[in-house]
Amino acid sequence: MRDYQKLDVWKKAHLFTLQVYKEILPVMPIEEKFALTQQIRRATYSIPLNIVEGSGKNTDKDFTSYLDNALGSAKEVEYAFI
């Protein structure tokens, strides 16, 4: 098991999540409040959550799989911002 709080990737994902919640979501158009905004919220916090969950796995292969899921969520947020 890994201590996720010591992982640079988790630290960056956590800061990114805080930034999105503080700077991006509040300025989203009202018509997107229950659609795109919710999807961005879920995808954004999925990034550090997958890193945390993967850090609790016993094998590097399992951990890598969760990192891959986190990357997928990051790409989802990227597209939503476009």
PDB file of N, CA and C in Angstrom:
ATOM      1  N   MET A   1       0.837  -1.185   0.000  1.00  0.00           N
ATOM      2  CA  MET A   1       0.000   0.000   0.000  1.00  0.00           C
ATOM      3  C   MET A   1       0.878   1.242   0.000  1.00  0.00           C
ATOM      4  N   ARG A   2       0.333   2.281  -0.610  1.00  0.00           N
ATOM      5  CA  ARG A   2       1.060   3.535  -0.717  1.00  0.00           C
ATOM      6  C   ARG A   2       0.345   4.616   0.092  1.00  0.00           C
ATOM      7  N   ASP A   3       1.097   5.576   0.569  1.00  0.00           N
ATOM      8  CA  ASP A   3       0.504   6.733   1.236  1.00  0.00           C
ATOM      9  C   ASP A   3       0.189   7.763   0.153  1.00  0.00           C
ATOM     10  N   TYR A   4      -1.083   7.834  -0.253  1.00  0.00           N
ATOM     11  CA  TYR A   4      -1.461   8.691  -1.383  1.00  0.00           C
ATOM     12  C   TYR A   4      -1.134  10.153  -1.134  1.00  0.00           C
ATOM     13  N   GLN A   5      -1.125  10.587   0.120  1.00  0.00           N
ATOM     14  CA  GLN A   5      -0.855  11.995   0.402  1.00  0.00           C
ATOM     15  C   GLN A   5       0.588  12.380   0.115  1.00  0.00           C
ATOM     16  N   LYS A   6       1.442  11.403  -0.084  1.00  0.00           N
ATOM     17  CA  LYS A   6       2.836  11.675  -0.429  1.00  0.00           C
ATOM     18  C   LYS A   6       3.067  11.647  -1.936  1.00  0.00           C
ATOM     19  N   LEU A   7       2.060  11.258  -2.702  1.00  0.00           N
ATOM     20  CA  LEU A   7       2.200  11.161  -4.153  1.00  0.00           C
ATOM     21  C   LEU A   7       1.987  12.532  -4.802  1.00  0.00           C
ATOM     22  N   ASP A   8       2.950  12.959  -5.603  1.00  0.00           N
ATOM     23  CA  ASP A   8       2.833  14.252  -6.287  1.00  0.00           C
ATOM     24  C   ASP A   8       1.599  14.300  -7.187  1.00  0.00           C
ATOM     25  N   VAL A   9       1.291  13.190  -7.826  1.00  0.00           N
ATOM     26  CA  VAL A   9       0.131  13.160  -8.726  1.00  0.00           C
ATOM     27  C   VAL A   9      -1.161  13.397  -7.943  1.00  0.00           C
ATOM     28  N   TRP A  10      -1.253  12.857  -6.736  1.00  0.00           N
ATOM     29  CA  TRP A  10      -2.446  13.093  -5.921  1.00  0.00           C
ATOM     30  C   TRP A  10      -2.498  14.559  -5.473  1.00  0.00           C
ATOM     31  N   LYS A  11      -1.363  15.102  -5.056  1.00  0.00           N
ATOM     32  CA  LYS A  11      -1.322  16.500  -4.624  1.00  0.00           C
ATOM     33  C   LYS A  11      -1.804  17.424  -5.738  1.00  0.00           C
ATOM     34  N   LYS A  12      -1.340  17.179  -6.955  1.00  0.00           N
ATOM     35  CA  LYS A  12      -1.750  18.007  -8.090  1.00  0.00           C
ATOM     36  C   LYS A  12      -3.231  17.813  -8.410  1.00  0.00           C
ATOM     37  N   ALA A  13      -3.699  16.577  -8.348  1.00  0.00           N
ATOM     38  CA  ALA A  13      -5.113  16.306  -8.609  1.00  0.00           C
ATOM     39  C   ALA A  13      -5.999  16.966  -7.554  1.00  0.00           C
ATOM     40  N   HIS A  14      -5.557  16.937  -6.313  1.00  0.00           N
ATOM     41  CA  HIS A  14      -6.310  17.577  -5.236  1.00  0.00           C
ATOM     42  C   HIS A  14      -6.386  19.091  -5.441  1.00  0.00           C
ATOM     43  N   LEU A  15      -5.265  19.700  -5.757  1.00  0.00           N
ATOM     44  CA  LEU A  15      -5.250  21.149  -6.001  1.00  0.00           C
ATOM     45  C   LEU A  15      -6.094  21.511  -7.219  1.00  0.00           C
ATOM     46  N   PHE A  16      -6.044  20.673  -8.245  1.00  0.00           N
ATOM     47  CA  PHE A  16      -6.862  20.904  -9.435  1.00  0.00           C
ATOM     48  C   PHE A  16      -8.350  20.867  -9.074  1.00  0.00           C
ATOM     49  N   THR A  17      -8.738  19.888  -8.281  1.00  0.00           N
ATOM     50  CA  THR A  17     -10.137  19.772  -7.857  1.00  0.00           C
ATOM     51  C   THR A  17     -10.569  21.016  -7.087  1.00  0.00           C
ATOM     52  N   LEU A  18      -9.753  21.457  -6.161  1.00  0.00           N
ATOM     53  CA  LEU A  18     -10.080  22.667  -5.397  1.00  0.00           C
ATOM     54  C   LEU A  18     -10.202  23.874  -6.316  1.00  0.00           C
ATOM     55  N   GLN A  19      -9.305  23.988  -7.285  1.00  0.00           N
ATOM     56  CA  GLN A  19      -9.335  25.106  -8.220  1.00  0.00           C
ATOM     57  C   GLN A  19     -10.603  25.089  -9.071  1.00  0.00           C
ATOM     58  N   VAL A  20     -10.970  23.925  -9.563  1.00  0.00           N
ATOM     59  CA  VAL A  20     -12.191  23.811 -10.376  1.00  0.00           C
ATOM     60  C   VAL A  20     -13.403  24.220  -9.553  1.00  0.00           C
ATOM     61  N   TYR A  21     -13.491  23.734  -8.331  1.00  0.00           N
ATOM     62  CA  TYR A  21     -14.633  24.075  -7.476  1.00  0.00           C
ATOM     63  C   TYR A  21     -14.672  25.566  -7.148  1.00  0.00           C
ATOM     64  N   LYS A  22     -13.507  26.167  -6.976  1.00  0.00           N
ATOM     65  CA  LYS A  22     -13.449  27.577  -6.577  1.00  0.00           C
ATOM     66  C   LYS A  22     -13.581  28.542  -7.750  1.00  0.00           C
ATOM     67  N   GLU A  23     -12.948  28.218  -8.890  1.00  0.00           N
ATOM     68  CA  GLU A  23     -12.844  29.186  -9.971  1.00  0.00           C
ATOM     69  C   GLU A  23     -13.689  28.883 -11.204  1.00  0.00           C
ATOM     70  N   ILE A  24     -13.939  27.625 -11.486  1.00  0.00           N
ATOM     71  CA  ILE A  24     -14.632  27.265 -12.724  1.00  0.00           C
ATOM     72  C   ILE A  24     -16.131  27.065 -12.505  1.00  0.00           C
ATOM     73  N   LEU A  25     -16.481  26.207 -11.576  1.00  0.00           N
ATOM     74  CA  LEU A  25     -17.896  25.880 -11.387  1.00  0.00           C
ATOM     75  C   LEU A  25     -18.773  27.092 -11.042  1.00  0.00           C
ATOM     76  N   PRO A  26     -18.285  28.034 -10.226  1.00  0.00           N
ATOM     77  CA  PRO A  26     -19.142  29.188  -9.909  1.00  0.00           C
ATOM     78  C   PRO A  26     -19.470  30.082 -11.107  1.00  0.00           C
ATOM     79  N   VAL A  27     -18.672  30.037 -12.153  1.00  0.00           N
ATOM     80  CA  VAL A  27     -18.919  30.916 -13.302  1.00  0.00           C
ATOM     81  C   VAL A  27     -19.552  30.183 -14.484  1.00  0.00           C
ATOM     82  N   MET A  28     -19.935  28.939 -14.263  1.00  0.00           N
ATOM     83  CA  MET A  28     -20.594  28.196 -15.339  1.00  0.00           C
ATOM     84  C   MET A  28     -21.963  28.812 -15.610  1.00  0.00           C
ATOM     85  N   PRO A  29     -22.396  28.791 -16.852  1.00  0.00           N
ATOM     86  CA  PRO A  29     -23.720  29.339 -17.188  1.00  0.00           C
ATOM     87  C   PRO A  29     -24.821  28.619 -16.418  1.00  0.00           C
ATOM     88  N   ILE A  30     -25.827  29.362 -16.023  1.00  0.00           N
ATOM     89  CA  ILE A  30     -26.920  28.808 -15.231  1.00  0.00           C
ATOM     90  C   ILE A  30     -27.628  27.674 -15.961  1.00  0.00           C
ATOM     91  N   GLU A  31     -27.702  27.746 -17.284  1.00  0.00           N
ATOM     92  CA  GLU A  31     -28.390  26.690 -18.033  1.00  0.00           C
ATOM     93  C   GLU A  31     -27.620  25.364 -18.005  1.00  0.00           C
ATOM     94  N   GLU A  32     -26.364  25.407 -17.578  1.00  0.00           N
ATOM     95  CA  GLU A  32     -25.558  24.188 -17.465  1.00  0.00           C
ATOM     96  C   GLU A  32     -25.469  23.670 -16.036  1.00  0.00           C
ATOM     97  N   LYS A  33     -26.196  24.313 -15.121  1.00  0.00           N
ATOM     98  CA  LYS A  33     -26.072  23.974 -13.707  1.00  0.00           C
ATOM     99  C   LYS A  33     -26.345  22.500 -13.422  1.00  0.00           C
ATOM    100  N   PHE A  34     -27.314  21.917 -14.096  1.00  0.00           N
ATOM    101  CA  PHE A  34     -27.673  20.536 -13.789  1.00  0.00           C
ATOM    102  C   PHE A  34     -27.228  19.555 -14.851  1.00  0.00           C
ATOM    103  N   ALA A  35     -26.410  19.979 -15.768  1.00  0.00           N
ATOM    104  CA  ALA A  35     -25.933  19.075 -16.816  1.00  0.00           C
ATOM    105  C   ALA A  35     -24.407  19.084 -16.832  1.00  0.00           C
ATOM    106  N   LEU A  36     -23.831  19.975 -17.601  1.00  0.00           N
ATOM    107  CA  LEU A  36     -22.384  19.995 -17.763  1.00  0.00           C
ATOM    108  C   LEU A  36     -21.666  20.272 -16.441  1.00  0.00           C
ATOM    109  N   THR A  37     -22.191  21.166 -15.635  1.00  0.00           N
ATOM    110  CA  THR A  37     -21.561  21.482 -14.350  1.00  0.00           C
ATOM    111  C   THR A  37     -21.478  20.243 -13.462  1.00  0.00           C
ATOM    112  N   GLN A  38     -22.558  19.486 -13.407  1.00  0.00           N
ATOM    113  CA  GLN A  38     -22.554  18.265 -12.594  1.00  0.00           C
ATOM    114  C   GLN A  38     -21.553  17.242 -13.138  1.00  0.00           C
ATOM    115  N   GLN A  39     -21.480  17.136 -14.453  1.00  0.00           N
ATOM    116  CA  GLN A  39     -20.548  16.185 -15.064  1.00  0.00           C
ATOM    117  C   GLN A  39     -19.106  16.594 -14.790  1.00  0.00           C
ATOM    118  N   ILE A  40     -18.813  17.879 -14.879  1.00  0.00           N
ATOM    119  CA  ILE A  40     -17.457  18.368 -14.570  1.00  0.00           C
ATOM    120  C   ILE A  40     -17.131  18.088 -13.110  1.00  0.00           C
ATOM    121  N   ARG A  41     -18.080  18.337 -12.234  1.00  0.00           N
ATOM    122  CA  ARG A  41     -17.866  18.102 -10.806  1.00  0.00           C
ATOM    123  C   ARG A  41     -17.510  16.629 -10.555  1.00  0.00           C
ATOM    124  N   ARG A  42     -18.313  15.725 -11.092  1.00  0.00           N
ATOM    125  CA  ARG A  42     -18.078  14.291 -10.864  1.00  0.00           C
ATOM    126  C   ARG A  42     -16.747  13.838 -11.468  1.00  0.00           C
ATOM    127  N   ALA A  43     -16.459  14.267 -12.680  1.00  0.00           N
ATOM    128  CA  ALA A  43     -15.218  13.851 -13.335  1.00  0.00           C
ATOM    129  C   ALA A  43     -14.005  14.432 -12.612  1.00  0.00           C
ATOM    130  N   THR A  44     -14.126  15.660 -12.136  1.00  0.00           N
ATOM    131  CA  THR A  44     -13.001  16.307 -11.458  1.00  0.00           C
ATOM    132  C   THR A  44     -12.637  15.591 -10.167  1.00  0.00           C
ATOM    133  N   TYR A  45     -13.623  15.308  -9.317  1.00  0.00           N
ATOM    134  CA  TYR A  45     -13.246  14.651  -8.064  1.00  0.00           C
ATOM    135  C   TYR A  45     -12.967  13.167  -8.248  1.00  0.00           C
ATOM    136  N   SER A  46     -13.329  12.641  -9.394  1.00  0.00           N
ATOM    137  CA  SER A  46     -12.986  11.253  -9.703  1.00  0.00           C
ATOM    138  C   SER A  46     -11.483  11.083  -9.884  1.00  0.00           C
ATOM    139  N   ILE A  47     -10.803  12.126 -10.292  1.00  0.00           N
ATOM    140  CA  ILE A  47      -9.355  12.032 -10.525  1.00  0.00           C
ATOM    141  C   ILE A  47      -8.619  11.682  -9.221  1.00  0.00           C
ATOM    142  N   PRO A  48      -8.704  12.521  -8.175  1.00  0.00           N
ATOM    143  CA  PRO A  48      -7.992  12.149  -6.943  1.00  0.00           C
ATOM    144  C   PRO A  48      -8.591  10.925  -6.259  1.00  0.00           C
ATOM    145  N   LEU A  49      -9.902  10.710  -6.401  1.00  0.00           N
ATOM    146  CA  LEU A  49     -10.501   9.535  -5.772  1.00  0.00           C
ATOM    147  C   LEU A  49      -9.950   8.235  -6.356  1.00  0.00           C
ATOM    148  N   ASN A  50      -9.748   8.201  -7.655  1.00  0.00           N
ATOM    149  CA  ASN A  50      -9.165   7.007  -8.262  1.00  0.00           C
ATOM    150  C   ASN A  50      -7.721   6.799  -7.809  1.00  0.00           C
ATOM    151  N   ILE A  51      -6.985   7.874  -7.658  1.00  0.00           N
ATOM    152  CA  ILE A  51      -5.606   7.770  -7.178  1.00  0.00           C
ATOM    153  C   ILE A  51      -5.591   7.213  -5.758  1.00  0.00           C
ATOM    154  N   VAL A  52      -6.490   7.724  -4.918  1.00  0.00           N
ATOM    155  CA  VAL A  52      -6.576   7.251  -3.536  1.00  0.00           C
ATOM    156  C   VAL A  52      -6.958   5.774  -3.497  1.00  0.00           C
ATOM    157  N   GLU A  53      -7.980   5.401  -4.256  1.00  0.00           N
ATOM    158  CA  GLU A  53      -8.415   4.010  -4.258  1.00  0.00           C
ATOM    159  C   GLU A  53      -7.309   3.089  -4.765  1.00  0.00           C
ATOM    160  N   GLY A  54      -6.646   3.490  -5.819  1.00  0.00           N
ATOM    161  CA  GLY A  54      -5.563   2.685  -6.366  1.00  0.00           C
ATOM    162  C   GLY A  54      -4.393   2.540  -5.417  1.00  0.00           C
ATOM    163  N   SER A  55      -4.149   3.565  -4.625  1.00  0.00           N
ATOM    164  CA  SER A  55      -3.024   3.502  -3.684  1.00  0.00           C
ATOM    165  C   SER A  55      -3.246   2.447  -2.612  1.00  0.00           C
ATOM    166  N   GLY A  56      -4.491   2.051  -2.425  1.00  0.00           N
ATOM    167  CA  GLY A  56      -4.790   1.021  -1.446  1.00  0.00           C
ATOM    168  C   GLY A  56      -4.686  -0.390  -1.996  1.00  0.00           C
ATOM    169  N   LYS A  57      -4.385  -0.521  -3.266  1.00  0.00           N
ATOM    170  CA  LYS A  57      -4.249  -1.848  -3.878  1.00  0.00           C
ATOM    171  C   LYS A  57      -2.849  -2.393  -3.643  1.00  0.00           C
ATOM    172  N   ASN A  58      -2.734  -3.697  -3.692  1.00  0.00           N
ATOM    173  CA  ASN A  58      -1.469  -4.342  -3.329  1.00  0.00           C
ATOM    174  C   ASN A  58      -0.481  -4.511  -4.474  1.00  0.00           C
ATOM    175  N   THR A  59      -0.959  -4.466  -5.707  1.00  0.00           N
ATOM    176  CA  THR A  59      -0.036  -4.696  -6.823  1.00  0.00           C
ATOM    177  C   THR A  59       0.119  -3.428  -7.664  1.00  0.00           C
ATOM    178  N   ASP A  60       1.269  -3.318  -8.304  1.00  0.00           N
ATOM    179  CA  ASP A  60       1.511  -2.195  -9.203  1.00  0.00           C
ATOM    180  C   ASP A  60       0.529  -2.222 -10.375  1.00  0.00           C
ATOM    181  N   LYS A  61       0.179  -3.423 -10.821  1.00  0.00           N
ATOM    182  CA  LYS A  61      -0.764  -3.554 -11.928  1.00  0.00           C
ATOM    183  C   LYS A  61      -2.126  -2.967 -11.557  1.00  0.00           C
ATOM    184  N   ASP A  62      -2.606  -3.265 -10.365  1.00  0.00           N
ATOM    185  CA  ASP A  62      -3.885  -2.710  -9.912  1.00  0.00           C
ATOM    186  C   ASP A  62      -3.796  -1.198  -9.750  1.00  0.00           C
ATOM    187  N   PHE A  63      -2.704  -0.739  -9.157  1.00  0.00           N
ATOM    188  CA  PHE A  63      -2.511   0.702  -8.971  1.00  0.00           C
ATOM    189  C   PHE A  63      -2.498   1.414 -10.315  1.00  0.00           C
ATOM    190  N   THR A  64      -1.805   0.845 -11.282  1.00  0.00           N
ATOM    191  CA  THR A  64      -1.732   1.427 -12.619  1.00  0.00           C
ATOM    192  C   THR A  64      -3.108   1.517 -13.259  1.00  0.00           C
ATOM    193  N   SER A  65      -3.925   0.524 -13.028  1.00  0.00           N
ATOM    194  CA  SER A  65      -5.278   0.534 -13.579  1.00  0.00           C
ATOM    195  C   SER A  65      -6.077   1.723 -13.045  1.00  0.00           C
ATOM    196  N   TYR A  66      -5.952   2.007 -11.762  1.00  0.00           N
ATOM    197  CA  TYR A  66      -6.661   3.146 -11.178  1.00  0.00           C
ATOM    198  C   TYR A  66      -6.080   4.473 -11.660  1.00  0.00           C
ATOM    199  N   LEU A  67      -4.776   4.504 -11.859  1.00  0.00           N
ATOM    200  CA  LEU A  67      -4.176   5.712 -12.436  1.00  0.00           C
ATOM    201  C   LEU A  67      -4.691   5.940 -13.848  1.00  0.00           C
ATOM    202  N   ASP A  68      -4.881   4.874 -14.585  1.00  0.00           N
ATOM    203  CA  ASP A  68      -5.438   4.960 -15.931  1.00  0.00           C
ATOM    204  C   ASP A  68      -6.868   5.510 -15.888  1.00  0.00           C
ATOM    205  N   ASN A  69      -7.652   5.070 -14.907  1.00  0.00           N
ATOM    206  CA  ASN A  69      -9.009   5.610 -14.738  1.00  0.00           C
ATOM    207  C   ASN A  69      -8.962   7.099 -14.405  1.00  0.00           C
ATOM    208  N   ALA A  70      -8.013   7.496 -13.561  1.00  0.00           N
ATOM    209  CA  ALA A  70      -7.858   8.913 -13.216  1.00  0.00           C
ATOM    210  C   ALA A  70      -7.524   9.728 -14.457  1.00  0.00           C
ATOM    211  N   LEU A  71      -6.661   9.189 -15.301  1.00  0.00           N
ATOM    212  CA  LEU A  71      -6.308   9.869 -16.543  1.00  0.00           C
ATOM    213  C   LEU A  71      -7.531  10.021 -17.439  1.00  0.00           C
ATOM    214  N   GLY A  72      -8.349   8.982 -17.508  1.00  0.00           N
ATOM    215  CA  GLY A  72      -9.576   9.064 -18.295  1.00  0.00           C
ATOM    216  C   GLY A  72     -10.488  10.165 -17.794  1.00  0.00           C
ATOM    217  N   SER A  73     -10.605  10.301 -16.483  1.00  0.00           N
ATOM    218  CA  SER A  73     -11.428  11.372 -15.913  1.00  0.00           C
ATOM    219  C   SER A  73     -10.834  12.738 -16.223  1.00  0.00           C
ATOM    220  N   ALA A  74      -9.517  12.846 -16.194  1.00  0.00           N
ATOM    221  CA  ALA A  74      -8.860  14.119 -16.530  1.00  0.00           C
ATOM    222  C   ALA A  74      -9.152  14.504 -17.976  1.00  0.00           C
ATOM    223  N   LYS A  75      -9.136  13.525 -18.868  1.00  0.00           N
ATOM    224  CA  LYS A  75      -9.456  13.796 -20.273  1.00  0.00           C
ATOM    225  C   LYS A  75     -10.920  14.205 -20.425  1.00  0.00           C
ATOM    226  N   GLU A  76     -11.791  13.621 -19.628  1.00  0.00           N
ATOM    227  CA  GLU A  76     -13.205  13.987 -19.650  1.00  0.00           C
ATOM    228  C   GLU A  76     -13.380  15.462 -19.248  1.00  0.00           C
ATOM    229  N   VAL A  77     -12.697  15.865 -18.194  1.00  0.00           N
ATOM    230  CA  VAL A  77     -12.767  17.272 -17.759  1.00  0.00           C
ATOM    231  C   VAL A  77     -12.192  18.173 -18.846  1.00  0.00           C
ATOM    232  N   GLU A  78     -11.075  17.778 -19.419  1.00  0.00           N
ATOM    233  CA  GLU A  78     -10.462  18.559 -20.490  1.00  0.00           C
ATOM    234  C   GLU A  78     -11.465  18.820 -21.618  1.00  0.00           C
ATOM    235  N   TYR A  79     -12.137  17.775 -22.048  1.00  0.00           N
ATOM    236  CA  TYR A  79     -13.108  17.955 -23.131  1.00  0.00           C
ATOM    237  C   TYR A  79     -14.284  18.840 -22.688  1.00  0.00           C
ATOM    238  N   ALA A  80     -14.749  18.665 -21.471  1.00  0.00           N
ATOM    239  CA  ALA A  80     -15.860  19.483 -20.974  1.00  0.00           C
ATOM    240  C   ALA A  80     -15.485  20.968 -20.978  1.00  0.00           C
ATOM    241  N   PHE A  81     -14.224  21.264 -20.712  1.00  0.00           N
ATOM    242  CA  PHE A  81     -13.771  22.659 -20.731  1.00  0.00           C
ATOM    243  C   PHE A  81     -13.744  23.218 -22.151  1.00  0.00           C
ATOM    244  N   ILE A  82     -13.509  22.351 -23.125  1.00  0.00           N
ATOM    245  CA  ILE A  82     -13.503  22.803 -24.528  1.00  0.00           C
ATOM    246  C   ILE A  82     -14.900  23.217 -24.915  1.00  0.00           C
TER     247      ILE A  82
END
